[in-house]
Amino acid sequence: MNLPNLHTDPTLAMVEWRYQLIKPCPAVSTFGKLHENVIRTLVIPKDELITVVNGPLNGARLVDIEWDAKPYIMFTEHLRNCGRRLGIAT
């Protein structure tokens, strides 16, 4: 059985990595009341730290992140353009 390589598999390359935003970055909240049909968007400020929780991480799809101990989603391309990878979250 072949296991995916975290360093070469683009779908896993960002999972559990921490990023510092080098400019403000848009995100969408994923917490709130169940069955609430409201989408909350926000801009995470420059210099904030976020952690990638899940993918898919290829192309311009959405990626799950955590910021300020809350779940959000953002476009992978936005994360690549707004963030500087720091290292694996501990």
PDB file of N, CA and C in Angstrom:
ATOM      1  N   MET A   1       0.840  -1.181   0.000  1.00  0.00           N
ATOM      2  CA  MET A   1       0.000   0.000   0.000  1.00  0.00           C
ATOM      3  C   MET A   1       0.882   1.240   0.000  1.00  0.00           C
ATOM      4  N   ASN A   2       0.607   2.164  -0.902  1.00  0.00           N
ATOM      5  CA  ASN A   2       1.362   3.409  -0.973  1.00  0.00           C
ATOM      6  C   ASN A   2       0.647   4.502  -0.197  1.00  0.00           C
ATOM      7  N   LEU A   3       1.343   5.110   0.723  1.00  0.00           N
ATOM      8  CA  LEU A   3       0.781   6.229   1.468  1.00  0.00           C
ATOM      9  C   LEU A   3       1.156   7.528   0.780  1.00  0.00           C
ATOM     10  N   PRO A   4       0.268   8.535   0.817  1.00  0.00           N
ATOM     11  CA  PRO A   4       0.602   9.806   0.179  1.00  0.00           C
ATOM     12  C   PRO A   4       1.749  10.495   0.885  1.00  0.00           C
ATOM     13  N   ASN A   5       2.557  11.183   0.116  1.00  0.00           N
ATOM     14  CA  ASN A   5       3.696  11.913   0.661  1.00  0.00           C
ATOM     15  C   ASN A   5       3.277  13.353   0.919  1.00  0.00           C
ATOM     16  N   LEU A   6       3.413  13.807   2.160  1.00  0.00           N
ATOM     17  CA  LEU A   6       2.998  15.161   2.530  1.00  0.00           C
ATOM     18  C   LEU A   6       3.757  16.233   1.770  1.00  0.00           C
ATOM     19  N   HIS A   7       4.938  15.929   1.302  1.00  0.00           N
ATOM     20  CA  HIS A   7       5.760  16.936   0.638  1.00  0.00           C
ATOM     21  C   HIS A   7       5.531  16.990  -0.868  1.00  0.00           C
ATOM     22  N   THR A   8       4.995  15.911  -1.464  1.00  0.00           N
ATOM     23  CA  THR A   8       4.812  15.903  -2.911  1.00  0.00           C
ATOM     24  C   THR A   8       3.354  15.824  -3.330  1.00  0.00           C
ATOM     25  N   ASP A   9       2.458  15.382  -2.479  1.00  0.00           N
ATOM     26  CA  ASP A   9       1.045  15.284  -2.810  1.00  0.00           C
ATOM     27  C   ASP A   9       0.390  16.648  -2.623  1.00  0.00           C
ATOM     28  N   PRO A  10      -0.047  17.317  -3.715  1.00  0.00           N
ATOM     29  CA  PRO A  10      -0.609  18.669  -3.581  1.00  0.00           C
ATOM     30  C   PRO A  10      -1.876  18.710  -2.755  1.00  0.00           C
ATOM     31  N   THR A  11      -2.583  17.583  -2.622  1.00  0.00           N
ATOM     32  CA  THR A  11      -3.808  17.591  -1.834  1.00  0.00           C
ATOM     33  C   THR A  11      -3.524  17.560  -0.339  1.00  0.00           C
ATOM     34  N   LEU A  12      -2.292  17.256   0.060  1.00  0.00           N
ATOM     35  CA  LEU A  12      -1.953  17.183   1.480  1.00  0.00           C
ATOM     36  C   LEU A  12      -0.864  18.164   1.891  1.00  0.00           C
ATOM     37  N   ALA A  13      -0.276  18.852   0.947  1.00  0.00           N
ATOM     38  CA  ALA A  13       0.900  19.669   1.224  1.00  0.00           C
ATOM     39  C   ALA A  13       0.663  20.787   2.235  1.00  0.00           C
ATOM     40  N   MET A  14      -0.572  21.238   2.426  1.00  0.00           N
ATOM     41  CA  MET A  14      -0.840  22.347   3.336  1.00  0.00           C
ATOM     42  C   MET A  14      -1.441  21.900   4.668  1.00  0.00           C
ATOM     43  N   VAL A  15      -1.935  20.677   4.762  1.00  0.00           N
ATOM     44  CA  VAL A  15      -2.629  20.222   5.964  1.00  0.00           C
ATOM     45  C   VAL A  15      -1.715  20.293   7.180  1.00  0.00           C
ATOM     46  N   GLU A  16      -2.250  20.867   8.256  1.00  0.00           N
ATOM     47  CA  GLU A  16      -1.580  21.050   9.544  1.00  0.00           C
ATOM     48  C   GLU A  16      -0.486  22.104   9.525  1.00  0.00           C
ATOM     49  N   TRP A  17      -0.318  22.804   8.410  1.00  0.00           N
ATOM     50  CA  TRP A  17       0.672  23.870   8.365  1.00  0.00           C
ATOM     51  C   TRP A  17       0.081  25.146   8.922  1.00  0.00           C
ATOM     52  N   ARG A  18       0.913  25.937   9.518  1.00  0.00           N
ATOM     53  CA  ARG A  18       0.543  27.237  10.045  1.00  0.00           C
ATOM     54  C   ARG A  18       1.008  28.312   9.080  1.00  0.00           C
ATOM     55  N   TYR A  19       0.181  29.308   8.886  1.00  0.00           N
ATOM     56  CA  TYR A  19       0.492  30.415   7.992  1.00  0.00           C
ATOM     57  C   TYR A  19       0.333  31.740   8.722  1.00  0.00           C
ATOM     58  N   GLN A  20       1.198  32.679   8.402  1.00  0.00           N
ATOM     59  CA  GLN A  20       1.031  34.052   8.860  1.00  0.00           C
ATOM     60  C   GLN A  20       0.589  34.846   7.648  1.00  0.00           C
ATOM     61  N   LEU A  21      -0.489  35.597   7.809  1.00  0.00           N
ATOM     62  CA  LEU A  21      -0.987  36.376   6.686  1.00  0.00           C
ATOM     63  C   LEU A  21      -0.109  37.594   6.467  1.00  0.00           C
ATOM     64  N   ILE A  22       0.326  37.780   5.230  1.00  0.00           N
ATOM     65  CA  ILE A  22       1.168  38.927   4.890  1.00  0.00           C
ATOM     66  C   ILE A  22       0.327  40.084   4.353  1.00  0.00           C
ATOM     67  N   LYS A  23      -0.953  39.821   4.160  1.00  0.00           N
ATOM     68  CA  LYS A  23      -1.928  40.859   3.814  1.00  0.00           C
ATOM     69  C   LYS A  23      -3.303  40.341   4.221  1.00  0.00           C
ATOM     70  N   PRO A  24      -4.294  41.207   4.368  1.00  0.00           N
ATOM     71  CA  PRO A  24      -5.630  40.753   4.747  1.00  0.00           C
ATOM     72  C   PRO A  24      -6.158  39.721   3.750  1.00  0.00           C
ATOM     73  N   CYS A  25      -6.928  38.755   4.264  1.00  0.00           N
ATOM     74  CA  CYS A  25      -7.384  37.650   3.418  1.00  0.00           C
ATOM     75  C   CYS A  25      -8.851  37.330   3.709  1.00  0.00           C
ATOM     76  N   PRO A  26      -9.682  37.192   2.669  1.00  0.00           N
ATOM     77  CA  PRO A  26     -11.096  36.882   2.878  1.00  0.00           C
ATOM     78  C   PRO A  26     -11.304  35.439   3.335  1.00  0.00           C
ATOM     79  N   ALA A  27     -12.338  35.238   4.150  1.00  0.00           N
ATOM     80  CA  ALA A  27     -12.700  33.911   4.643  1.00  0.00           C
ATOM     81  C   ALA A  27     -14.207  33.865   4.867  1.00  0.00           C
ATOM     82  N   VAL A  28     -14.722  32.659   5.083  1.00  0.00           N
ATOM     83  CA  VAL A  28     -16.141  32.439   5.350  1.00  0.00           C
ATOM     84  C   VAL A  28     -16.251  31.638   6.632  1.00  0.00           C
ATOM     85  N   SER A  29     -17.140  32.066   7.537  1.00  0.00           N
ATOM     86  CA  SER A  29     -17.304  31.338   8.796  1.00  0.00           C
ATOM     87  C   SER A  29     -18.062  30.041   8.547  1.00  0.00           C
ATOM     88  N   THR A  30     -17.739  29.015   9.326  1.00  0.00           N
ATOM     89  CA  THR A  30     -18.420  27.728   9.203  1.00  0.00           C
ATOM     90  C   THR A  30     -18.998  27.300  10.540  1.00  0.00           C
ATOM     91  N   PHE A  31     -19.177  28.235  11.425  1.00  0.00           N
ATOM     92  CA  PHE A  31     -19.790  27.909  12.707  1.00  0.00           C
ATOM     93  C   PHE A  31     -21.032  28.764  12.892  1.00  0.00           C
ATOM     94  N   GLY A  32     -21.904  28.340  13.737  1.00  0.00           N
ATOM     95  CA  GLY A  32     -23.152  29.057  13.961  1.00  0.00           C
ATOM     96  C   GLY A  32     -24.262  28.067  14.204  1.00  0.00           C
ATOM     97  N   LYS A  33     -25.480  28.529  14.160  1.00  0.00           N
ATOM     98  CA  LYS A  33     -26.638  27.673  14.404  1.00  0.00           C
ATOM     99  C   LYS A  33     -26.832  26.702  13.258  1.00  0.00           C
ATOM    100  N   LEU A  34     -27.218  25.486  13.600  1.00  0.00           N
ATOM    101  CA  LEU A  34     -27.519  24.476  12.597  1.00  0.00           C
ATOM    102  C   LEU A  34     -28.670  24.928  11.716  1.00  0.00           C
ATOM    103  N   HIS A  35     -28.600  24.656  10.463  1.00  0.00           N
ATOM    104  CA  HIS A  35     -29.634  24.961   9.480  1.00  0.00           C
ATOM    105  C   HIS A  35     -29.878  26.458   9.325  1.00  0.00           C
ATOM    106  N   GLU A  36     -28.948  27.265   9.763  1.00  0.00           N
ATOM    107  CA  GLU A  36     -29.061  28.702   9.570  1.00  0.00           C
ATOM    108  C   GLU A  36     -28.585  29.015   8.155  1.00  0.00           C
ATOM    109  N   ASN A  37     -29.434  29.614   7.367  1.00  0.00           N
ATOM    110  CA  ASN A  37     -29.106  29.876   5.961  1.00  0.00           C
ATOM    111  C   ASN A  37     -28.455  31.243   5.786  1.00  0.00           C
ATOM    112  N   VAL A  38     -27.449  31.505   6.595  1.00  0.00           N
ATOM    113  CA  VAL A  38     -26.743  32.772   6.529  1.00  0.00           C
ATOM    114  C   VAL A  38     -25.261  32.479   6.337  1.00  0.00           C
ATOM    115  N   ILE A  39     -24.670  33.141   5.373  1.00  0.00           N
ATOM    116  CA  ILE A  39     -23.232  33.015   5.152  1.00  0.00           C
ATOM    117  C   ILE A  39     -22.570  34.258   5.708  1.00  0.00           C
ATOM    118  N   ARG A  40     -21.582  34.062   6.547  1.00  0.00           N
ATOM    119  CA  ARG A  40     -20.868  35.191   7.125  1.00  0.00           C
ATOM    120  C   ARG A  40     -19.467  35.242   6.540  1.00  0.00           C
ATOM    121  N   THR A  41     -19.185  36.320   5.861  1.00  0.00           N
ATOM    122  CA  THR A  41     -17.846  36.504   5.313  1.00  0.00           C
ATOM    123  C   THR A  41     -17.112  37.533   6.154  1.00  0.00           C
ATOM    124  N   LEU A  42     -15.810  37.461   6.125  1.00  0.00           N
ATOM    125  CA  LEU A  42     -14.993  38.400   6.865  1.00  0.00           C
ATOM    126  C   LEU A  42     -13.630  38.481   6.199  1.00  0.00           C
ATOM    127  N   VAL A  43     -12.843  39.396   6.655  1.00  0.00           N
ATOM    128  CA  VAL A  43     -11.461  39.512   6.209  1.00  0.00           C
ATOM    129  C   VAL A  43     -10.586  39.307   7.434  1.00  0.00           C
ATOM    130  N   ILE A  44      -9.730  38.295   7.374  1.00  0.00           N
ATOM    131  CA  ILE A  44      -8.790  38.055   8.462  1.00  0.00           C
ATOM    132  C   ILE A  44      -7.639  39.046   8.279  1.00  0.00           C
ATOM    133  N   PRO A  45      -7.318  39.810   9.325  1.00  0.00           N
ATOM    134  CA  PRO A  45      -6.312  40.872   9.193  1.00  0.00           C
ATOM    135  C   PRO A  45      -4.897  40.354   8.921  1.00  0.00           C
ATOM    136  N   LYS A  46      -4.098  41.223   8.365  1.00  0.00           N
ATOM    137  CA  LYS A  46      -2.670  40.967   8.144  1.00  0.00           C
ATOM    138  C   LYS A  46      -2.009  40.604   9.476  1.00  0.00           C
ATOM    139  N   ASP A  47      -0.998  39.753   9.412  1.00  0.00           N
ATOM    140  CA  ASP A  47      -0.169  39.308  10.539  1.00  0.00           C
ATOM    141  C   ASP A  47      -0.837  38.272  11.436  1.00  0.00           C
ATOM    142  N   GLU A  48      -2.100  37.907  11.174  1.00  0.00           N
ATOM    143  CA  GLU A  48      -2.750  36.874  11.970  1.00  0.00           C
ATOM    144  C   GLU A  48      -2.209  35.503  11.585  1.00  0.00           C
ATOM    145  N   LEU A  49      -2.272  34.557  12.518  1.00  0.00           N
ATOM    146  CA  LEU A  49      -1.835  33.187  12.277  1.00  0.00           C
ATOM    147  C   LEU A  49      -3.049  32.302  12.066  1.00  0.00           C
ATOM    148  N   ILE A  50      -2.997  31.466  11.019  1.00  0.00           N
ATOM    149  CA  ILE A  50      -4.061  30.508  10.761  1.00  0.00           C
ATOM    150  C   ILE A  50      -3.437  29.132  10.582  1.00  0.00           C
ATOM    151  N   THR A  51      -4.250  28.101  10.797  1.00  0.00           N
ATOM    152  CA  THR A  51      -3.805  26.723  10.614  1.00  0.00           C
ATOM    153  C   THR A  51      -4.711  26.047   9.605  1.00  0.00           C
ATOM    154  N   VAL A  52      -4.134  25.352   8.643  1.00  0.00           N
ATOM    155  CA  VAL A  52      -4.901  24.598   7.659  1.00  0.00           C
ATOM    156  C   VAL A  52      -5.335  23.292   8.307  1.00  0.00           C
ATOM    157  N   VAL A  53      -6.639  23.012   8.227  1.00  0.00           N
ATOM    158  CA  VAL A  53      -7.202  21.826   8.871  1.00  0.00           C
ATOM    159  C   VAL A  53      -7.462  20.710   7.864  1.00  0.00           C
ATOM    160  N   ASN A  54      -7.941  21.082   6.657  1.00  0.00           N
ATOM    161  CA  ASN A  54      -8.299  20.064   5.682  1.00  0.00           C
ATOM    162  C   ASN A  54      -8.351  20.679   4.291  1.00  0.00           C
ATOM    163  N   GLY A  55      -8.398  19.833   3.268  1.00  0.00           N
ATOM    164  CA  GLY A  55      -8.413  20.280   1.895  1.00  0.00           C
ATOM    165  C   GLY A  55      -9.739  19.983   1.236  1.00  0.00           C
ATOM    166  N   PRO A  56      -9.830  19.903  -0.062  1.00  0.00           N
ATOM    167  CA  PRO A  56      -8.751  19.692  -1.012  1.00  0.00           C
ATOM    168  C   PRO A  56      -7.909  20.953  -1.213  1.00  0.00           C
ATOM    169  N   LEU A  57      -6.667  20.756  -1.540  1.00  0.00           N
ATOM    170  CA  LEU A  57      -5.728  21.878  -1.585  1.00  0.00           C
ATOM    171  C   LEU A  57      -5.156  22.120  -2.975  1.00  0.00           C
ATOM    172  N   ASN A  58      -5.840  21.588  -3.980  1.00  0.00           N
ATOM    173  CA  ASN A  58      -5.361  21.804  -5.339  1.00  0.00           C
ATOM    174  C   ASN A  58      -6.253  22.818  -6.040  1.00  0.00           C
ATOM    175  N   GLY A  59      -5.700  23.549  -6.944  1.00  0.00           N
ATOM    176  CA  GLY A  59      -6.470  24.501  -7.718  1.00  0.00           C
ATOM    177  C   GLY A  59      -6.997  25.658  -6.900  1.00  0.00           C
ATOM    178  N   ALA A  60      -8.208  26.098  -7.223  1.00  0.00           N
ATOM    179  CA  ALA A  60      -8.807  27.265  -6.571  1.00  0.00           C
ATOM    180  C   ALA A  60      -9.955  26.845  -5.657  1.00  0.00           C
ATOM    181  N   ARG A  61      -9.890  25.655  -5.105  1.00  0.00           N
ATOM    182  CA  ARG A  61     -10.956  25.156  -4.240  1.00  0.00           C
ATOM    183  C   ARG A  61     -10.864  25.739  -2.845  1.00  0.00           C
ATOM    184  N   LEU A  62     -11.864  25.412  -2.022  1.00  0.00           N
ATOM    185  CA  LEU A  62     -11.890  25.901  -0.648  1.00  0.00           C
ATOM    186  C   LEU A  62     -11.090  24.990   0.269  1.00  0.00           C
ATOM    187  N   VAL A  63     -10.455  25.571   1.245  1.00  0.00           N
ATOM    188  CA  VAL A  63      -9.670  24.846   2.234  1.00  0.00           C
ATOM    189  C   VAL A  63     -10.220  25.195   3.612  1.00  0.00           C
ATOM    190  N   ASP A  64     -10.262  24.208   4.509  1.00  0.00           N
ATOM    191  CA  ASP A  64     -10.694  24.431   5.887  1.00  0.00           C
ATOM    192  C   ASP A  64      -9.521  24.963   6.692  1.00  0.00           C
ATOM    193  N   ILE A  65      -9.776  26.038   7.446  1.00  0.00           N
ATOM    194  CA  ILE A  65      -8.739  26.620   8.293  1.00  0.00           C
ATOM    195  C   ILE A  65      -9.296  26.851   9.687  1.00  0.00           C
ATOM    196  N   GLU A  66      -8.393  27.132  10.607  1.00  0.00           N
ATOM    197  CA  GLU A  66      -8.777  27.549  11.952  1.00  0.00           C
ATOM    198  C   GLU A  66      -8.066  28.858  12.246  1.00  0.00           C
ATOM    199  N   TRP A  67      -8.834  29.811  12.750  1.00  0.00           N
ATOM    200  CA  TRP A  67      -8.293  31.104  13.151  1.00  0.00           C
ATOM    201  C   TRP A  67      -8.985  31.519  14.433  1.00  0.00           C
ATOM    202  N   ASP A  68      -8.231  31.955  15.388  1.00  0.00           N
ATOM    203  CA  ASP A  68      -8.795  32.388  16.662  1.00  0.00           C
ATOM    204  C   ASP A  68      -9.676  31.299  17.274  1.00  0.00           C
ATOM    205  N   ALA A  69      -9.225  30.048  17.159  1.00  0.00           N
ATOM    206  CA  ALA A  69      -9.892  28.860  17.709  1.00  0.00           C
ATOM    207  C   ALA A  69     -11.287  28.636  17.117  1.00  0.00           C
ATOM    208  N   LYS A  70     -11.529  29.134  15.902  1.00  0.00           N
ATOM    209  CA  LYS A  70     -12.820  28.950  15.231  1.00  0.00           C
ATOM    210  C   LYS A  70     -12.585  28.462  13.801  1.00  0.00           C
ATOM    211  N   PRO A  71     -13.529  27.647  13.282  1.00  0.00           N
ATOM    212  CA  PRO A  71     -13.374  27.129  11.920  1.00  0.00           C
ATOM    213  C   PRO A  71     -13.838  28.131  10.862  1.00  0.00           C
ATOM    214  N   TYR A  72     -13.104  28.167   9.760  1.00  0.00           N
ATOM    215  CA  TYR A  72     -13.429  29.006   8.611  1.00  0.00           C
ATOM    216  C   TYR A  72     -13.036  28.244   7.363  1.00  0.00           C
ATOM    217  N   ILE A  73     -13.466  28.761   6.225  1.00  0.00           N
ATOM    218  CA  ILE A  73     -12.983  28.255   4.945  1.00  0.00           C
ATOM    219  C   ILE A  73     -12.495  29.447   4.121  1.00  0.00           C
ATOM    220  N   MET A  74     -11.532  29.173   3.250  1.00  0.00           N
ATOM    221  CA  MET A  74     -11.061  30.201   2.329  1.00  0.00           C
ATOM    222  C   MET A  74     -10.574  29.513   1.063  1.00  0.00           C
ATOM    223  N   PHE A  75     -10.488  30.285   0.010  1.00  0.00           N
ATOM    224  CA  PHE A  75      -9.975  29.726  -1.230  1.00  0.00           C
ATOM    225  C   PHE A  75      -8.490  29.441  -1.082  1.00  0.00           C
ATOM    226  N   THR A  76      -8.086  28.289  -1.613  1.00  0.00           N
ATOM    227  CA  THR A  76      -6.680  27.900  -1.563  1.00  0.00           C
ATOM    228  C   THR A  76      -5.795  28.959  -2.203  1.00  0.00           C
ATOM    229  N   GLU A  77      -6.251  29.500  -3.307  1.00  0.00           N
ATOM    230  CA  GLU A  77      -5.466  30.517  -4.011  1.00  0.00           C
ATOM    231  C   GLU A  77      -5.289  31.768  -3.145  1.00  0.00           C
ATOM    232  N   HIS A  78      -6.331  32.150  -2.400  1.00  0.00           N
ATOM    233  CA  HIS A  78      -6.197  33.294  -1.490  1.00  0.00           C
ATOM    234  C   HIS A  78      -5.143  33.010  -0.429  1.00  0.00           C
ATOM    235  N   LEU A  79      -5.179  31.798   0.118  1.00  0.00           N
ATOM    236  CA  LEU A  79      -4.185  31.443   1.134  1.00  0.00           C
ATOM    237  C   LEU A  79      -2.774  31.506   0.558  1.00  0.00           C
ATOM    238  N   ARG A  80      -2.600  31.013  -0.643  1.00  0.00           N
ATOM    239  CA  ARG A  80      -1.267  31.052  -1.263  1.00  0.00           C
ATOM    240  C   ARG A  80      -0.804  32.487  -1.513  1.00  0.00           C
ATOM    241  N   ASN A  81      -1.739  33.370  -1.870  1.00  0.00           N
ATOM    242  CA  ASN A  81      -1.378  34.755  -2.173  1.00  0.00           C
ATOM    243  C   ASN A  81      -1.269  35.633  -0.926  1.00  0.00           C
ATOM    244  N   CYS A  82      -1.966  35.273   0.138  1.00  0.00           N
ATOM    245  CA  CYS A  82      -2.013  36.120   1.341  1.00  0.00           C
ATOM    246  C   CYS A  82      -1.146  35.609   2.487  1.00  0.00           C
ATOM    247  N   GLY A  83      -0.714  34.346   2.398  1.00  0.00           N
ATOM    248  CA  GLY A  83      -0.054  33.747   3.554  1.00  0.00           C
ATOM    249  C   GLY A  83       1.388  33.354   3.311  1.00  0.00           C
ATOM    250  N   ARG A  84       2.117  33.320   4.408  1.00  0.00           N
ATOM    251  CA  ARG A  84       3.511  32.857   4.408  1.00  0.00           C
ATOM    252  C   ARG A  84       3.558  31.635   5.313  1.00  0.00           C
ATOM    253  N   ARG A  85       3.970  30.503   4.777  1.00  0.00           N
ATOM    254  CA  ARG A  85       3.983  29.256   5.534  1.00  0.00           C
ATOM    255  C   ARG A  85       5.085  29.299   6.584  1.00  0.00           C
ATOM    256  N   LEU A  86       4.703  28.972   7.823  1.00  0.00           N
ATOM    257  CA  LEU A  86       5.648  29.011   8.932  1.00  0.00           C
ATOM    258  C   LEU A  86       6.170  27.641   9.325  1.00  0.00           C
ATOM    259  N   GLY A  87       5.298  26.656   9.373  1.00  0.00           N
ATOM    260  CA  GLY A  87       5.695  25.319   9.788  1.00  0.00           C
ATOM    261  C   GLY A  87       4.489  24.539  10.255  1.00  0.00           C
ATOM    262  N   ILE A  88       4.712  23.304  10.648  1.00  0.00           N
ATOM    263  CA  ILE A  88       3.644  22.428  11.127  1.00  0.00           C
ATOM    264  C   ILE A  88       3.125  22.963  12.467  1.00  0.00           C
ATOM    265  N   ALA A  89       1.800  23.004  12.607  1.00  0.00           N
ATOM    266  CA  ALA A  89       1.176  23.442  13.857  1.00  0.00           C
ATOM    267  C   ALA A  89       1.413  22.387  14.928  1.00  0.00           C
ATOM    268  N   THR A  90       1.621  22.842  16.132  1.00  0.00           N
ATOM    269  CA  THR A  90       1.839  21.896  17.240  1.00  0.00           C
ATOM    270  C   THR A  90       0.738  21.975  18.238  1.00  0.00           C
TER     271      THR A  90
END
